[in-house]
Amino acid sequence: MDDEGEIKMTMKQFIEIAGGRIEPNFDKYPQGRDNKNKLTFNDDICDGEQSMNCPICKMQNTHITGVEVFSRGEDAEEHVHTTVDMREMSTKVENVKGHGRNPSGRRDGVILSGYCESGCKFEIEIAQHKGNTFFKSNKTGVKNLD
């Protein structure tokens, strides 16, 4: 309880008290996460276009190698997960029960996979939540440049 007599709890505590009767994807909802790998762009490269920098090291030369699309009705128990691997020139579509890799806790999502020419590998998650579109980037390793 706080000074005003209100009960305060974390999302994880709330889900535990609810006994799992609500969607347990609390880590997919925006809640004060510290994302040190921010997306940045170089302005007006050519005719008003922007160039995306590496979210890890900020290098300008980046390459997208894969796209994952998650098609999900609001709070649906299943969703369609479509994966495009640009290096293998392959596409895979599957129905997934539960949350899977979807970056959105309740709706549609997208993940872009890529690397920069200094060797960083990354994923960029795009998710919708309460009328907002959120971007989050994750370091996934170091690319072998040999």
C-alpha atoms as a PDB file:
ATOM      1  CA  MET A   1       0.000   0.000   0.000  1.00  0.00           C
ATOM      2  CA  ASP A   2       1.194   3.522  -0.736  1.00  0.00           C
ATOM      3  CA  ASP A   3       0.715   6.704   1.352  1.00  0.00           C
ATOM      4  CA  GLU A   4      -2.801   7.285  -0.079  1.00  0.00           C
ATOM      5  CA  GLY A   5      -3.948   3.770   0.854  1.00  0.00           C
ATOM      6  CA  GLU A   6      -3.822   2.472  -2.746  1.00  0.00           C
ATOM      7  CA  ILE A   7      -2.489  -0.984  -3.447  1.00  0.00           C
ATOM      8  CA  LYS A   8       0.476  -0.896  -5.844  1.00  0.00           C
ATOM      9  CA  MET A   9       1.743  -3.969  -7.679  1.00  0.00           C
ATOM     10  CA  THR A  10       3.751  -4.861 -10.716  1.00  0.00           C
ATOM     11  CA  MET A  11       2.169  -6.357 -13.833  1.00  0.00           C
ATOM     12  CA  LYS A  12       3.776  -9.694 -12.949  1.00  0.00           C
ATOM     13  CA  GLN A  13       2.189  -9.626  -9.471  1.00  0.00           C
ATOM     14  CA  PHE A  14      -1.199  -8.758 -11.000  1.00  0.00           C
ATOM     15  CA  ILE A  15      -1.007 -11.710 -13.398  1.00  0.00           C
ATOM     16  CA  GLU A  16      -0.025 -14.082 -10.585  1.00  0.00           C
ATOM     17  CA  ILE A  17      -2.977 -12.908  -8.463  1.00  0.00           C
ATOM     18  CA  ALA A  18      -5.327 -13.341 -11.452  1.00  0.00           C
ATOM     19  CA  GLY A  19      -4.289 -16.992 -11.552  1.00  0.00           C
ATOM     20  CA  GLY A  20      -3.324 -16.962 -15.224  1.00  0.00           C
ATOM     21  CA  ARG A  21      -6.824 -15.954 -16.357  1.00  0.00           C
ATOM     22  CA  ILE A  22      -5.374 -13.058 -18.359  1.00  0.00           C
ATOM     23  CA  GLU A  23      -2.811 -13.232 -21.099  1.00  0.00           C
ATOM     24  CA  PRO A  24       0.604 -13.903 -19.509  1.00  0.00           C
ATOM     25  CA  ASN A  25       2.561 -11.874 -22.061  1.00  0.00           C
ATOM     26  CA  PHE A  26       3.217  -9.026 -19.630  1.00  0.00           C
ATOM     27  CA  ASP A  27       6.789  -8.686 -20.891  1.00  0.00           C
ATOM     28  CA  LYS A  28       5.419  -7.744 -24.335  1.00  0.00           C
ATOM     29  CA  TYR A  29       3.539  -4.714 -23.016  1.00  0.00           C
ATOM     30  CA  PRO A  30       5.379  -1.372 -22.839  1.00  0.00           C
ATOM     31  CA  GLN A  31       6.243  -0.748 -19.206  1.00  0.00           C
ATOM     32  CA  GLY A  32       9.288   1.378 -18.533  1.00  0.00           C
ATOM     33  CA  ARG A  33      11.771  -0.913 -20.251  1.00  0.00           C
ATOM     34  CA  ASP A  34      15.250   0.504 -20.795  1.00  0.00           C
ATOM     35  CA  ASN A  35      16.076  -0.043 -24.455  1.00  0.00           C
ATOM     36  CA  LYS A  36      19.659   1.095 -24.987  1.00  0.00           C
ATOM     37  CA  ASN A  37      19.611   0.057 -28.669  1.00  0.00           C
ATOM     38  CA  LYS A  38      17.585   2.937 -30.108  1.00  0.00           C
ATOM     39  CA  LEU A  39      16.743   3.309 -33.789  1.00  0.00           C
ATOM     40  CA  THR A  40      18.213   6.422 -35.400  1.00  0.00           C
ATOM     41  CA  PHE A  41      18.133   7.719 -38.962  1.00  0.00           C
ATOM     42  CA  ASN A  42      20.254   9.980 -41.156  1.00  0.00           C
ATOM     43  CA  ASP A  43      18.117  12.775 -42.601  1.00  0.00           C
ATOM     44  CA  ASP A  44      17.613  13.597 -46.254  1.00  0.00           C
ATOM     45  CA  ILE A  45      20.061  11.216 -47.920  1.00  0.00           C
ATOM     46  CA  CYS A  46      18.479  11.674 -51.349  1.00  0.00           C
ATOM     47  CA  ASP A  47      15.180  13.309 -52.306  1.00  0.00           C
ATOM     48  CA  GLY A  48      13.916  13.365 -48.716  1.00  0.00           C
ATOM     49  CA  GLU A  49      14.706   9.697 -47.956  1.00  0.00           C
ATOM     50  CA  GLN A  50      16.279   8.642 -44.672  1.00  0.00           C
ATOM     51  CA  SER A  51      18.895   5.975 -43.995  1.00  0.00           C
ATOM     52  CA  MET A  52      18.567   3.747 -40.920  1.00  0.00           C
ATOM     53  CA  ASN A  53      21.618   3.417 -38.679  1.00  0.00           C
ATOM     54  CA  CYS A  54      22.587   0.199 -36.917  1.00  0.00           C
ATOM     55  CA  PRO A  55      20.707   0.182 -33.588  1.00  0.00           C
ATOM     56  CA  ILE A  56      23.780  -1.310 -31.870  1.00  0.00           C
ATOM     57  CA  CYS A  57      26.774   0.733 -33.116  1.00  0.00           C
ATOM     58  CA  LYS A  58      25.025   3.492 -35.170  1.00  0.00           C
ATOM     59  CA  MET A  59      26.872   2.614 -38.418  1.00  0.00           C
ATOM     60  CA  GLN A  60      24.983   3.836 -41.498  1.00  0.00           C
ATOM     61  CA  ASN A  61      25.529   0.750 -43.674  1.00  0.00           C
ATOM     62  CA  THR A  62      22.804  -1.751 -42.691  1.00  0.00           C
ATOM     63  CA  HIS A  63      21.234  -4.713 -44.463  1.00  0.00           C
ATOM     64  CA  ILE A  64      17.851  -6.376 -43.835  1.00  0.00           C
ATOM     65  CA  THR A  65      18.007 -10.166 -44.234  1.00  0.00           C
ATOM     66  CA  GLY A  66      14.617 -11.340 -43.000  1.00  0.00           C
ATOM     67  CA  VAL A  67      11.086 -10.308 -42.170  1.00  0.00           C
ATOM     68  CA  GLU A  68       8.586 -11.967 -39.822  1.00  0.00           C
ATOM     69  CA  VAL A  69       4.938 -10.896 -39.895  1.00  0.00           C
ATOM     70  CA  PHE A  70       2.478 -11.839 -37.155  1.00  0.00           C
ATOM     71  CA  SER A  71      -1.198 -11.567 -38.137  1.00  0.00           C
ATOM     72  CA  ARG A  72      -3.373 -11.776 -35.067  1.00  0.00           C
ATOM     73  CA  GLY A  73      -6.870 -10.620 -34.234  1.00  0.00           C
ATOM     74  CA  GLU A  74      -7.075  -8.747 -30.946  1.00  0.00           C
ATOM     75  CA  ASP A  75      -6.382 -11.189 -28.105  1.00  0.00           C
ATOM     76  CA  ALA A  76      -6.820 -14.196 -30.427  1.00  0.00           C
ATOM     77  CA  GLU A  77      -5.464 -17.512 -29.144  1.00  0.00           C
ATOM     78  CA  GLU A  78      -3.826 -18.276 -32.505  1.00  0.00           C
ATOM     79  CA  HIS A  79      -2.034 -16.198 -35.103  1.00  0.00           C
ATOM     80  CA  VAL A  80      -0.438 -16.611 -38.530  1.00  0.00           C
ATOM     81  CA  HIS A  81       3.366 -16.318 -38.512  1.00  0.00           C
ATOM     82  CA  THR A  82       4.905 -15.607 -41.928  1.00  0.00           C
ATOM     83  CA  THR A  83       8.704 -15.717 -42.236  1.00  0.00           C
ATOM     84  CA  VAL A  84      10.677 -14.472 -45.251  1.00  0.00           C
ATOM     85  CA  ASP A  85      14.383 -15.352 -45.339  1.00  0.00           C
ATOM     86  CA  MET A  86      15.945 -13.118 -47.987  1.00  0.00           C
ATOM     87  CA  ARG A  87      19.260 -14.982 -48.026  1.00  0.00           C
ATOM     88  CA  GLU A  88      17.678 -18.402 -48.515  1.00  0.00           C
ATOM     89  CA  MET A  89      14.986 -16.924 -50.808  1.00  0.00           C
ATOM     90  CA  SER A  90      12.360 -18.826 -48.812  1.00  0.00           C
ATOM     91  CA  THR A  91       8.972 -18.116 -47.264  1.00  0.00           C
ATOM     92  CA  LYS A  92       7.272 -20.087 -44.493  1.00  0.00           C
ATOM     93  CA  VAL A  93       3.686 -19.631 -43.254  1.00  0.00           C
ATOM     94  CA  GLU A  94       2.415 -21.368 -40.130  1.00  0.00           C
ATOM     95  CA  ASN A  95      -0.469 -21.157 -37.668  1.00  0.00           C
ATOM     96  CA  VAL A  96       0.821 -20.707 -34.130  1.00  0.00           C
ATOM     97  CA  LYS A  97      -1.083 -21.330 -30.895  1.00  0.00           C
ATOM     98  CA  GLY A  98      -0.249 -18.930 -28.118  1.00  0.00           C
ATOM     99  CA  HIS A  99       2.115 -16.030 -28.299  1.00  0.00           C
ATOM    100  CA  GLY A 100       5.211 -17.385 -30.087  1.00  0.00           C
ATOM    101  CA  ARG A 101       7.695 -14.692 -31.163  1.00  0.00           C
ATOM    102  CA  ASN A 102       5.050 -12.021 -31.774  1.00  0.00           C
ATOM    103  CA  PRO A 103       6.401  -8.721 -30.372  1.00  0.00           C
ATOM    104  CA  SER A 104       2.850  -7.503 -29.684  1.00  0.00           C
ATOM    105  CA  GLY A 105       1.114  -8.714 -26.553  1.00  0.00           C
ATOM    106  CA  ARG A 106      -2.345  -8.547 -28.152  1.00  0.00           C
ATOM    107  CA  ARG A 107      -2.304  -7.751 -31.874  1.00  0.00           C
ATOM    108  CA  ASP A 108      -0.178  -7.788 -35.032  1.00  0.00           C
ATOM    109  CA  GLY A 109       3.591  -7.437 -35.101  1.00  0.00           C
ATOM    110  CA  VAL A 110       6.648  -7.373 -37.353  1.00  0.00           C
ATOM    111  CA  ILE A 111      10.296  -8.333 -36.804  1.00  0.00           C
ATOM    112  CA  LEU A 112      13.047  -7.197 -39.199  1.00  0.00           C
ATOM    113  CA  SER A 113      16.347  -9.102 -38.987  1.00  0.00           C
ATOM    114  CA  GLY A 114      19.568  -7.612 -40.261  1.00  0.00           C
ATOM    115  CA  TYR A 115      23.205  -6.693 -39.793  1.00  0.00           C
ATOM    116  CA  CYS A 116      25.537  -3.759 -40.294  1.00  0.00           C
ATOM    117  CA  GLU A 117      28.855  -3.697 -42.132  1.00  0.00           C
ATOM    118  CA  SER A 118      30.802  -3.389 -38.863  1.00  0.00           C
ATOM    119  CA  GLY A 119      29.515  -6.847 -37.860  1.00  0.00           C
ATOM    120  CA  CYS A 120      26.532  -6.268 -35.547  1.00  0.00           C
ATOM    121  CA  LYS A 121      23.455  -8.469 -35.956  1.00  0.00           C
ATOM    122  CA  PHE A 122      20.096  -7.140 -34.819  1.00  0.00           C
ATOM    123  CA  GLU A 123      16.333  -7.536 -34.816  1.00  0.00           C
ATOM    124  CA  ILE A 124      13.880  -4.662 -34.898  1.00  0.00           C
ATOM    125  CA  GLU A 125      10.496  -5.428 -33.329  1.00  0.00           C
ATOM    126  CA  ILE A 126       7.456  -3.382 -34.341  1.00  0.00           C
ATOM    127  CA  ALA A 127       4.347  -3.782 -32.183  1.00  0.00           C
ATOM    128  CA  GLN A 128       1.033  -2.031 -31.652  1.00  0.00           C
ATOM    129  CA  HIS A 129      -0.400  -1.279 -28.225  1.00  0.00           C
ATOM    130  CA  LYS A 130      -3.327   1.011 -27.344  1.00  0.00           C
ATOM    131  CA  GLY A 131      -3.173   3.068 -30.544  1.00  0.00           C
ATOM    132  CA  ASN A 132       0.621   3.412 -30.531  1.00  0.00           C
ATOM    133  CA  THR A 133       3.268   1.709 -32.643  1.00  0.00           C
ATOM    134  CA  PHE A 134       6.391   0.760 -30.685  1.00  0.00           C
ATOM    135  CA  PHE A 135       9.872  -0.015 -32.008  1.00  0.00           C
ATOM    136  CA  LYS A 136      12.377  -2.075 -30.042  1.00  0.00           C
ATOM    137  CA  SER A 137      15.756  -3.303 -31.244  1.00  0.00           C
ATOM    138  CA  ASN A 138      17.762  -6.231 -29.934  1.00  0.00           C
ATOM    139  CA  LYS A 139      21.345  -7.272 -30.497  1.00  0.00           C
ATOM    140  CA  THR A 140      21.342 -10.865 -31.753  1.00  0.00           C
ATOM    141  CA  GLY A 141      25.068 -11.445 -32.170  1.00  0.00           C
ATOM    142  CA  VAL A 142      28.031 -10.578 -34.313  1.00  0.00           C
ATOM    143  CA  LYS A 143      28.128 -11.369 -38.029  1.00  0.00           C
ATOM    144  CA  ASN A 144      31.122 -13.299 -39.331  1.00  0.00           C
ATOM    145  CA  LEU A 145      32.572 -10.914 -41.935  1.00  0.00           C
ATOM    146  CA  ASP A 146      35.009 -13.441 -43.482  1.00  0.00           C
END
